[in-house]
Amino acid sequence: MSPNEQIEYFRSIGRLEAQVAALAAAMTEMKTKLDGIDARLDTLDRLANRWKGGFAVILTLGTITGFVLDNVLRWWTSKGS
């Protein structure tokens, strides 16, 4: 192997090392962003569960209110006849 070939060989190795370092940095950045996304998803999941519980309570209260009003109106109309 000639000295010029050796120089080019080591330059190529240097370029590959730089690319590997850049890939490692990009992976670290991606991991940081994914951790942030996971935290936001956990927050959204808790919020969605809270809304689901609230919706169930409101639906139940509406059903009970509708049932009571329906029976009161039926009683009222049957009493008036």
PDB file of N, CA and C in Angstrom:
ATOM      1  N   MET A   1       0.861  -1.168   0.000  1.00  0.00           N
ATOM      2  CA  MET A   1       0.000   0.000   0.000  1.00  0.00           C
ATOM      3  C   MET A   1       0.910   1.235   0.000  1.00  0.00           C
ATOM      4  N   SER A   2       0.651   2.133  -0.928  1.00  0.00           N
ATOM      5  CA  SER A   2       1.489   3.335  -1.047  1.00  0.00           C
ATOM      6  C   SER A   2       1.115   4.340   0.044  1.00  0.00           C
ATOM      7  N   PRO A   3       2.000   5.278   0.287  1.00  0.00           N
ATOM      8  CA  PRO A   3       1.714   6.300   1.317  1.00  0.00           C
ATOM      9  C   PRO A   3       0.460   7.117   0.992  1.00  0.00           C
ATOM     10  N   ASN A   4       0.209   7.383  -0.272  1.00  0.00           N
ATOM     11  CA  ASN A   4      -0.995   8.128  -0.657  1.00  0.00           C
ATOM     12  C   ASN A   4      -2.255   7.314  -0.366  1.00  0.00           C
ATOM     13  N   GLU A   5      -2.180   6.027  -0.616  1.00  0.00           N
ATOM     14  CA  GLU A   5      -3.331   5.167  -0.338  1.00  0.00           C
ATOM     15  C   GLU A   5      -3.594   5.093   1.158  1.00  0.00           C
ATOM     16  N   GLN A   6      -2.512   5.039   1.946  1.00  0.00           N
ATOM     17  CA  GLN A   6      -2.664   4.995   3.397  1.00  0.00           C
ATOM     18  C   GLN A   6      -3.310   6.288   3.917  1.00  0.00           C
ATOM     19  N   ILE A   7      -2.852   7.411   3.356  1.00  0.00           N
ATOM     20  CA  ILE A   7      -3.422   8.704   3.770  1.00  0.00           C
ATOM     21  C   ILE A   7      -4.911   8.742   3.454  1.00  0.00           C
ATOM     22  N   GLU A   8      -5.275   8.314   2.241  1.00  0.00           N
ATOM     23  CA  GLU A   8      -6.697   8.302   1.850  1.00  0.00           C
ATOM     24  C   GLU A   8      -7.489   7.324   2.716  1.00  0.00           C
ATOM     25  N   TYR A   9      -6.870   6.190   3.043  1.00  0.00           N
ATOM     26  CA  TYR A   9      -7.504   5.188   3.908  1.00  0.00           C
ATOM     27  C   TYR A   9      -7.825   5.797   5.278  1.00  0.00           C
ATOM     28  N   PHE A  10      -6.868   6.500   5.872  1.00  0.00           N
ATOM     29  CA  PHE A  10      -7.081   7.106   7.191  1.00  0.00           C
ATOM     30  C   PHE A  10      -8.074   8.263   7.122  1.00  0.00           C
ATOM     31  N   ARG A  11      -8.064   8.975   6.006  1.00  0.00           N
ATOM     32  CA  ARG A  11      -9.071  10.041   5.823  1.00  0.00           C
ATOM     33  C   ARG A  11     -10.470   9.438   5.768  1.00  0.00           C
ATOM     34  N   SER A  12     -10.601   8.333   5.048  1.00  0.00           N
ATOM     35  CA  SER A  12     -11.900   7.658   4.963  1.00  0.00           C
ATOM     36  C   SER A  12     -12.364   7.187   6.340  1.00  0.00           C
ATOM     37  N   ILE A  13     -11.426   6.651   7.094  1.00  0.00           N
ATOM     38  CA  ILE A  13     -11.762   6.212   8.455  1.00  0.00           C
ATOM     39  C   ILE A  13     -12.203   7.419   9.291  1.00  0.00           C
ATOM     40  N   GLY A  14     -11.513   8.532   9.152  1.00  0.00           N
ATOM     41  CA  GLY A  14     -11.877   9.754   9.876  1.00  0.00           C
ATOM     42  C   GLY A  14     -13.266  10.231   9.509  1.00  0.00           C
ATOM     43  N   ARG A  15     -13.606  10.175   8.200  1.00  0.00           N
ATOM     44  CA  ARG A  15     -14.944  10.581   7.759  1.00  0.00           C
ATOM     45  C   ARG A  15     -15.999   9.651   8.336  1.00  0.00           C
ATOM     46  N   LEU A  16     -15.715   8.358   8.337  1.00  0.00           N
ATOM     47  CA  LEU A  16     -16.665   7.398   8.916  1.00  0.00           C
ATOM     48  C   LEU A  16     -16.855   7.646  10.411  1.00  0.00           C
ATOM     49  N   GLU A  17     -15.766   7.944  11.115  1.00  0.00           N
ATOM     50  CA  GLU A  17     -15.879   8.233  12.540  1.00  0.00           C
ATOM     51  C   GLU A  17     -16.731   9.476  12.777  1.00  0.00           C
ATOM     52  N   ALA A  18     -16.584  10.476  11.924  1.00  0.00           N
ATOM     53  CA  ALA A  18     -17.386  11.693  12.055  1.00  0.00           C
ATOM     54  C   ALA A  18     -18.865  11.392  11.803  1.00  0.00           C
ATOM     55  N   GLN A  19     -19.139  10.549  10.803  1.00  0.00           N
ATOM     56  CA  GLN A  19     -20.524  10.176  10.526  1.00  0.00           C
ATOM     57  C   GLN A  19     -21.130   9.383  11.680  1.00  0.00           C
ATOM     58  N   VAL A  20     -20.348   8.482  12.258  1.00  0.00           N
ATOM     59  CA  VAL A  20     -20.825   7.710  13.410  1.00  0.00           C
ATOM     60  C   VAL A  20     -21.111   8.648  14.583  1.00  0.00           C
ATOM     61  N   ALA A  21     -20.232   9.617  14.819  1.00  0.00           N
ATOM     62  CA  ALA A  21     -20.449  10.579  15.903  1.00  0.00           C
ATOM     63  C   ALA A  21     -21.718  11.389  15.654  1.00  0.00           C
ATOM     64  N   ALA A  22     -21.941  11.798  14.388  1.00  0.00           N
ATOM     65  CA  ALA A  22     -23.150  12.557  14.056  1.00  0.00           C
ATOM     66  C   ALA A  22     -24.397  11.694  14.265  1.00  0.00           C
ATOM     67  N   LEU A  23     -24.329  10.412  13.875  1.00  0.00           N
ATOM     68  CA  LEU A  23     -25.460   9.506  14.092  1.00  0.00           C
ATOM     69  C   LEU A  23     -25.738   9.304  15.577  1.00  0.00           C
ATOM     70  N   ALA A  24     -24.699   9.181  16.370  1.00  0.00           N
ATOM     71  CA  ALA A  24     -24.862   9.010  17.817  1.00  0.00           C
ATOM     72  C   ALA A  24     -25.526  10.252  18.422  1.00  0.00           C
ATOM     73  N   ALA A  25     -25.106  11.425  17.963  1.00  0.00           N
ATOM     74  CA  ALA A  25     -25.713  12.665  18.467  1.00  0.00           C
ATOM     75  C   ALA A  25     -27.177  12.753  18.060  1.00  0.00           C
ATOM     76  N   ALA A  26     -27.480  12.360  16.820  1.00  0.00           N
ATOM     77  CA  ALA A  26     -28.865  12.389  16.354  1.00  0.00           C
ATOM     78  C   ALA A  26     -29.718  11.398  17.138  1.00  0.00           C
ATOM     79  N   MET A  27     -29.170  10.248  17.448  1.00  0.00           N
ATOM     80  CA  MET A  27     -29.913   9.253  18.234  1.00  0.00           C
ATOM     81  C   MET A  27     -30.196   9.769  19.639  1.00  0.00           C
ATOM     82  N   THR A  28     -29.218  10.442  20.231  1.00  0.00           N
ATOM     83  CA  THR A  28     -29.412  11.015  21.564  1.00  0.00           C
ATOM     84  C   THR A  28     -30.507  12.068  21.535  1.00  0.00           C
ATOM     85  N   GLU A  29     -30.494  12.901  20.500  1.00  0.00           N
ATOM     86  CA  GLU A  29     -31.529  13.939  20.359  1.00  0.00           C
ATOM     87  C   GLU A  29     -32.901  13.307  20.173  1.00  0.00           C
ATOM     88  N   MET A  30     -32.970  12.260  19.356  1.00  0.00           N
ATOM     89  CA  MET A  30     -34.248  11.579  19.131  1.00  0.00           C
ATOM     90  C   MET A  30     -34.763  10.952  20.424  1.00  0.00           C
ATOM     91  N   LYS A  31     -33.864  10.369  21.213  1.00  0.00           N
ATOM     92  CA  LYS A  31     -34.261   9.758  22.481  1.00  0.00           C
ATOM     93  C   LYS A  31     -34.822  10.810  23.425  1.00  0.00           C
ATOM     94  N   THR A  32     -34.183  11.969  23.457  1.00  0.00           N
ATOM     95  CA  THR A  32     -34.667  13.058  24.302  1.00  0.00           C
ATOM     96  C   THR A  32     -36.060  13.501  23.865  1.00  0.00           C
ATOM     97  N   LYS A  33     -36.257  13.630  22.559  1.00  0.00           N
ATOM     98  CA  LYS A  33     -37.573  14.033  22.052  1.00  0.00           C
ATOM     99  C   LYS A  33     -38.625  12.971  22.336  1.00  0.00           C
ATOM    100  N   LEU A  34     -38.272  11.701  22.186  1.00  0.00           N
ATOM    101  CA  LEU A  34     -39.220  10.626  22.472  1.00  0.00           C
ATOM    102  C   LEU A  34     -39.607  10.593  23.949  1.00  0.00           C
ATOM    103  N   ASP A  35     -38.655  10.868  24.821  1.00  0.00           N
ATOM    104  CA  ASP A  35     -38.968  10.938  26.247  1.00  0.00           C
ATOM    105  C   ASP A  35     -39.968  12.058  26.520  1.00  0.00           C
ATOM    106  N   GLY A  36     -39.797  13.187  25.859  1.00  0.00           N
ATOM    107  CA  GLY A  36     -40.741  14.301  26.000  1.00  0.00           C
ATOM    108  C   GLY A  36     -42.119  13.932  25.481  1.00  0.00           C
ATOM    109  N   ILE A  37     -42.156  13.231  24.359  1.00  0.00           N
ATOM    110  CA  ILE A  37     -43.441  12.804  23.786  1.00  0.00           C
ATOM    111  C   ILE A  37     -44.123  11.813  24.724  1.00  0.00           C
ATOM    112  N   ASP A  38     -43.356  10.887  25.301  1.00  0.00           N
ATOM    113  CA  ASP A  38     -43.928   9.931  26.256  1.00  0.00           C
ATOM    114  C   ASP A  38     -44.542  10.654  27.448  1.00  0.00           C
ATOM    115  N   ALA A  39     -43.865  11.672  27.947  1.00  0.00           N
ATOM    116  CA  ALA A  39     -44.396  12.428  29.082  1.00  0.00           C
ATOM    117  C   ALA A  39     -45.700  13.123  28.699  1.00  0.00           C
ATOM    118  N   ARG A  40     -45.748  13.702  27.509  1.00  0.00           N
ATOM    119  CA  ARG A  40     -46.981  14.372  27.066  1.00  0.00           C
ATOM    120  C   ARG A  40     -48.108  13.371  26.867  1.00  0.00           C
ATOM    121  N   LEU A  41     -47.795  12.214  26.324  1.00  0.00           N
ATOM    122  CA  LEU A  41     -48.826  11.193  26.139  1.00  0.00           C
ATOM    123  C   LEU A  41     -49.378  10.704  27.465  1.00  0.00           C
ATOM    124  N   ASP A  42     -48.528  10.573  28.469  1.00  0.00           N
ATOM    125  CA  ASP A  42     -49.002  10.193  29.798  1.00  0.00           C
ATOM    126  C   ASP A  42     -49.966  11.242  30.345  1.00  0.00           C
ATOM    127  N   THR A  43     -49.623  12.511  30.151  1.00  0.00           N
ATOM    128  CA  THR A  43     -50.494  13.595  30.608  1.00  0.00           C
ATOM    129  C   THR A  43     -51.829  13.561  29.869  1.00  0.00           C
ATOM    130  N   LEU A  44     -51.792  13.369  28.556  1.00  0.00           N
ATOM    131  CA  LEU A  44     -53.029  13.300  27.775  1.00  0.00           C
ATOM    132  C   LEU A  44     -53.872  12.094  28.168  1.00  0.00           C
ATOM    133  N   ASP A  45     -53.226  10.982  28.462  1.00  0.00           N
ATOM    134  CA  ASP A  45     -53.947   9.787  28.874  1.00  0.00           C
ATOM    135  C   ASP A  45     -54.675  10.024  30.190  1.00  0.00           C
ATOM    136  N   ARG A  46     -53.995  10.657  31.152  1.00  0.00           N
ATOM    137  CA  ARG A  46     -54.641  10.968  32.428  1.00  0.00           C
ATOM    138  C   ARG A  46     -55.801  11.923  32.225  1.00  0.00           C
ATOM    139  N   LEU A  47     -55.628  12.917  31.360  1.00  0.00           N
ATOM    140  CA  LEU A  47     -56.694  13.873  31.083  1.00  0.00           C
ATOM    141  C   LEU A  47     -57.883  13.187  30.423  1.00  0.00           C
ATOM    142  N   ALA A  48     -57.619  12.298  29.484  1.00  0.00           N
ATOM    143  CA  ALA A  48     -58.704  11.575  28.809  1.00  0.00           C
ATOM    144  C   ALA A  48     -59.461  10.696  29.794  1.00  0.00           C
ATOM    145  N   ASN A  49     -58.748  10.034  30.698  1.00  0.00           N
ATOM    146  CA  ASN A  49     -59.428   9.208  31.695  1.00  0.00           C
ATOM    147  C   ASN A  49     -60.291  10.054  32.614  1.00  0.00           C
ATOM    148  N   ARG A  50     -59.827  11.236  32.956  1.00  0.00           N
ATOM    149  CA  ARG A  50     -60.613  12.135  33.793  1.00  0.00           C
ATOM    150  C   ARG A  50     -61.898  12.552  33.075  1.00  0.00           C
ATOM    151  N   TRP A  51     -61.789  12.871  31.769  1.00  0.00           N
ATOM    152  CA  TRP A  51     -62.962  13.266  30.998  1.00  0.00           C
ATOM    153  C   TRP A  51     -63.940  12.103  30.860  1.00  0.00           C
ATOM    154  N   LYS A  52     -63.404  10.894  30.684  1.00  0.00           N
ATOM    155  CA  LYS A  52     -64.287   9.730  30.581  1.00  0.00           C
ATOM    156  C   LYS A  52     -65.098   9.559  31.855  1.00  0.00           C
ATOM    157  N   GLY A  53     -64.451   9.711  33.001  1.00  0.00           N
ATOM    158  CA  GLY A  53     -65.151   9.598  34.281  1.00  0.00           C
ATOM    159  C   GLY A  53     -66.197  10.682  34.440  1.00  0.00           C
ATOM    160  N   GLY A  54     -65.855  11.896  34.068  1.00  0.00           N
ATOM    161  CA  GLY A  54     -66.812  13.007  34.139  1.00  0.00           C
ATOM    162  C   GLY A  54     -67.987  12.787  33.215  1.00  0.00           C
ATOM    163  N   PHE A  55     -67.723  12.282  32.034  1.00  0.00           N
ATOM    164  CA  PHE A  55     -68.806  12.014  31.086  1.00  0.00           C
ATOM    165  C   PHE A  55     -69.757  10.962  31.635  1.00  0.00           C
ATOM    166  N   ALA A  56     -69.220   9.923  32.270  1.00  0.00           N
ATOM    167  CA  ALA A  56     -70.071   8.874  32.840  1.00  0.00           C
ATOM    168  C   ALA A  56     -70.961   9.438  33.940  1.00  0.00           C
ATOM    169  N   VAL A  57     -70.408  10.317  34.768  1.00  0.00           N
ATOM    170  CA  VAL A  57     -71.200  10.929  35.844  1.00  0.00           C
ATOM    171  C   VAL A  57     -72.307  11.796  35.264  1.00  0.00           C
ATOM    172  N   ILE A  58     -71.972  12.624  34.282  1.00  0.00           N
ATOM    173  CA  ILE A  58     -72.976  13.502  33.664  1.00  0.00           C
ATOM    174  C   ILE A  58     -74.054  12.684  32.970  1.00  0.00           C
ATOM    175  N   LEU A  59     -73.665  11.629  32.274  1.00  0.00           N
ATOM    176  CA  LEU A  59     -74.629  10.767  31.603  1.00  0.00           C
ATOM    177  C   LEU A  59     -75.566  10.115  32.609  1.00  0.00           C
ATOM    178  N   THR A  60     -75.033   9.647  33.735  1.00  0.00           N
ATOM    179  CA  THR A  60     -75.854   9.022  34.764  1.00  0.00           C
ATOM    180  C   THR A  60     -76.817  10.027  35.377  1.00  0.00           C
ATOM    181  N   LEU A  61     -76.326  11.204  35.699  1.00  0.00           N
ATOM    182  CA  LEU A  61     -77.203  12.234  36.271  1.00  0.00           C
ATOM    183  C   LEU A  61     -78.296  12.642  35.288  1.00  0.00           C
ATOM    184  N   GLY A  62     -77.953  12.755  34.019  1.00  0.00           N
ATOM    185  CA  GLY A  62     -78.957  13.089  33.002  1.00  0.00           C
ATOM    186  C   GLY A  62     -80.012  12.008  32.868  1.00  0.00           C
ATOM    187  N   THR A  63     -79.581  10.753  32.944  1.00  0.00           N
ATOM    188  CA  THR A  63     -80.524   9.638  32.841  1.00  0.00           C
ATOM    189  C   THR A  63     -81.484   9.636  34.028  1.00  0.00           C
ATOM    190  N   ILE A  64     -80.948   9.820  35.219  1.00  0.00           N
ATOM    191  CA  ILE A  64     -81.798   9.842  36.412  1.00  0.00           C
ATOM    192  C   ILE A  64     -82.764  11.021  36.360  1.00  0.00           C
ATOM    193  N   THR A  65     -82.274  12.188  35.980  1.00  0.00           N
ATOM    194  CA  THR A  65     -83.131  13.377  35.880  1.00  0.00           C
ATOM    195  C   THR A  65     -84.232  13.152  34.843  1.00  0.00           C
ATOM    196  N   GLY A  66     -83.886  12.598  33.694  1.00  0.00           N
ATOM    197  CA  GLY A  66     -84.891  12.324  32.659  1.00  0.00           C
ATOM    198  C   GLY A  66     -85.934  11.329  33.136  1.00  0.00           C
ATOM    199  N   PHE A  67     -85.499  10.295  33.845  1.00  0.00           N
ATOM    200  CA  PHE A  67     -86.437   9.294  34.366  1.00  0.00           C
ATOM    201  C   PHE A  67     -87.401   9.919  35.368  1.00  0.00           C
ATOM    202  N   VAL A  68     -86.877  10.721  36.287  1.00  0.00           N
ATOM    203  CA  VAL A  68     -87.723  11.368  37.304  1.00  0.00           C
ATOM    204  C   VAL A  68     -88.687  12.345  36.644  1.00  0.00           C
ATOM    205  N   LEU A  69     -88.198  13.173  35.742  1.00  0.00           N
ATOM    206  CA  LEU A  69     -89.084  14.124  35.060  1.00  0.00           C
ATOM    207  C   LEU A  69     -90.159  13.417  34.245  1.00  0.00           C
ATOM    208  N   ASP A  70     -89.801  12.348  33.564  1.00  0.00           N
ATOM    209  CA  ASP A  70     -90.772  11.591  32.786  1.00  0.00           C
ATOM    210  C   ASP A  70     -91.879  11.049  33.684  1.00  0.00           C
ATOM    211  N   ASN A  71     -91.498  10.483  34.835  1.00  0.00           N
ATOM    212  CA  ASN A  71     -92.497   9.938  35.755  1.00  0.00           C
ATOM    213  C   ASN A  71     -93.343  11.037  36.383  1.00  0.00           C
ATOM    214  N   VAL A  72     -92.738  12.173  36.701  1.00  0.00           N
ATOM    215  CA  VAL A  72     -93.506  13.301  37.259  1.00  0.00           C
ATOM    216  C   VAL A  72     -94.492  13.807  36.229  1.00  0.00           C
ATOM    217  N   LEU A  73     -94.052  13.957  34.987  1.00  0.00           N
ATOM    218  CA  LEU A  73     -94.966  14.447  33.934  1.00  0.00           C
ATOM    219  C   LEU A  73     -96.083  13.442  33.655  1.00  0.00           C
ATOM    220  N   ARG A  74     -95.787  12.179  33.675  1.00  0.00           N
ATOM    221  CA  ARG A  74     -96.835  11.165  33.479  1.00  0.00           C
ATOM    222  C   ARG A  74     -97.844  11.214  34.625  1.00  0.00           C
ATOM    223  N   TRP A  75     -97.332  11.357  35.844  1.00  0.00           N
ATOM    224  CA  TRP A  75     -98.219  11.427  36.995  1.00  0.00           C
ATOM    225  C   TRP A  75     -99.077  12.686  36.914  1.00  0.00           C
ATOM    226  N   TRP A  76     -98.447  13.793  36.535  1.00  0.00           N
ATOM    227  CA  TRP A  76     -99.163  15.075  36.454  1.00  0.00           C
ATOM    228  C   TRP A  76    -100.248  15.042  35.388  1.00  0.00           C
ATOM    229  N   THR A  77     -99.932  14.460  34.229  1.00  0.00           N
ATOM    230  CA  THR A  77    -100.942  14.418  33.157  1.00  0.00           C
ATOM    231  C   THR A  77    -102.041  13.423  33.482  1.00  0.00           C
ATOM    232  N   SER A  78    -101.720  12.327  34.171  1.00  0.00           N
ATOM    233  CA  SER A  78    -102.771  11.364  34.522  1.00  0.00           C
ATOM    234  C   SER A  78    -103.660  11.908  35.640  1.00  0.00           C
ATOM    235  N   LYS A  79    -103.139  12.742  36.506  1.00  0.00           N
ATOM    236  CA  LYS A  79    -103.913  13.341  37.596  1.00  0.00           C
ATOM    237  C   LYS A  79    -104.859  14.384  37.062  1.00  0.00           C
ATOM    238  N   GLY A  80    -104.453  15.094  36.054  1.00  0.00           N
ATOM    239  CA  GLY A  80    -105.276  16.142  35.477  1.00  0.00           C
ATOM    240  C   GLY A  80    -106.439  15.607  34.662  1.00  0.00           C
ATOM    241  N   SER A  81    -106.359  14.363  34.207  1.00  0.00           N
ATOM    242  CA  SER A  81    -107.429  13.824  33.364  1.00  0.00           C
ATOM    243  C   SER A  81    -108.621  13.393  34.134  1.00  0.00           C
TER     244      SER A  81
END
